[in-house]
Amino acid sequence: MAEHITIQTDQGALRLPCGSTLDDALAHLLSPHQHPQQVATAVNGRFVPRGERHLHVLAEGDTVLCFAPITGG
């Protein structure tokens, strides 16, 4: 059984231990001055709410995007 997975991000490929969550990935993707609450996230094109990131286990080949939330009306 594999010990690591590789996901795709807007910053390139990222290798993580199997069982890693979206929160785990954000710890590697965000700069030290960025707070996870300041970004919106999507996995494979589907929005993942902030409160569900710790539950969203990533799989080999997933695509993770972090972006500035957009508001308006």
Protein backbone atom coordinates (compact mmCIF):
# COMPACT_ATOMS: atom_id res chain seq x y z
CA MET A 1 0.00 0.00 0.00
CA ALA A 2 1.27 3.48 -0.87
CA GLU A 3 2.47 5.71 1.96
CA HIS A 4 2.07 8.97 0.04
CA ILE A 5 -0.23 10.62 -2.48
CA THR A 6 0.52 13.34 -4.98
CA ILE A 7 -2.05 16.08 -5.54
CA GLN A 8 -2.04 18.89 -8.07
CA THR A 9 -2.23 22.52 -6.97
CA ASP A 10 -1.92 25.93 -8.58
CA GLN A 11 1.62 25.88 -7.13
CA GLY A 12 2.51 22.53 -8.71
CA ALA A 13 2.48 18.96 -7.48
CA LEU A 14 2.44 18.35 -3.73
CA ARG A 15 3.30 15.03 -2.08
CA LEU A 16 1.49 14.25 1.17
CA PRO A 17 1.13 11.24 3.46
CA CYS A 18 -1.87 9.01 2.74
CA GLY A 19 -4.87 10.08 4.79
CA SER A 20 -4.01 13.79 4.53
CA THR A 21 -6.91 16.22 4.62
CA LEU A 22 -7.49 19.48 2.85
CA ASP A 23 -6.43 21.25 6.06
CA ASP A 24 -3.11 19.37 5.91
CA ALA A 25 -2.56 20.50 2.32
CA LEU A 26 -3.31 24.12 3.22
CA ALA A 27 -0.57 24.01 5.83
CA HIS A 28 1.88 23.42 2.95
CA LEU A 29 0.27 25.71 0.38
CA LEU A 30 -0.37 28.93 2.28
CA SER A 31 2.35 31.43 3.02
CA PRO A 32 3.13 32.16 6.69
CA HIS A 33 1.18 35.44 6.59
CA GLN A 34 -1.97 33.83 5.12
CA HIS A 35 -4.62 32.45 7.43
CA PRO A 36 -6.70 29.49 6.17
CA GLN A 37 -9.88 31.46 6.86
CA GLN A 38 -8.76 34.03 4.27
CA VAL A 39 -9.02 31.62 1.34
CA ALA A 40 -11.73 29.59 -0.32
CA THR A 41 -10.93 26.06 -1.46
CA ALA A 42 -12.04 23.60 -4.10
CA VAL A 43 -11.09 19.98 -4.72
CA ASN A 44 -11.57 18.66 -8.24
CA GLY A 45 -13.66 21.72 -9.07
CA ARG A 46 -16.04 21.37 -6.11
CA PHE A 47 -16.13 24.00 -3.38
CA VAL A 48 -15.19 22.70 0.09
CA PRO A 49 -16.53 24.85 2.95
CA ARG A 50 -14.03 25.94 5.60
CA GLY A 51 -15.75 23.89 8.28
CA GLU A 52 -15.39 20.68 6.24
CA ARG A 53 -11.71 20.93 5.29
CA HIS A 54 -10.55 18.81 8.23
CA LEU A 55 -12.96 16.06 7.12
CA HIS A 56 -12.08 16.09 3.41
CA VAL A 57 -9.48 13.33 2.93
CA LEU A 58 -7.48 13.80 -0.25
CA ALA A 59 -6.82 11.07 -2.80
CA GLU A 60 -4.07 10.43 -5.35
CA GLY A 61 -4.39 12.86 -8.26
CA ASP A 62 -6.86 15.26 -6.63
CA THR A 63 -6.63 18.87 -7.79
CA VAL A 64 -6.69 21.46 -4.99
CA LEU A 65 -7.27 25.15 -5.66
CA CYS A 66 -7.05 28.01 -3.18
CA PHE A 67 -8.55 31.35 -4.16
CA ALA A 68 -9.77 34.61 -2.72
CA PRO A 69 -13.46 34.41 -1.79
CA ILE A 70 -15.64 36.64 -3.95
CA THR A 71 -18.62 38.48 -2.58
CA GLY A 72 -21.04 40.78 -4.25
CA GLY A 73 -24.58 41.15 -5.28
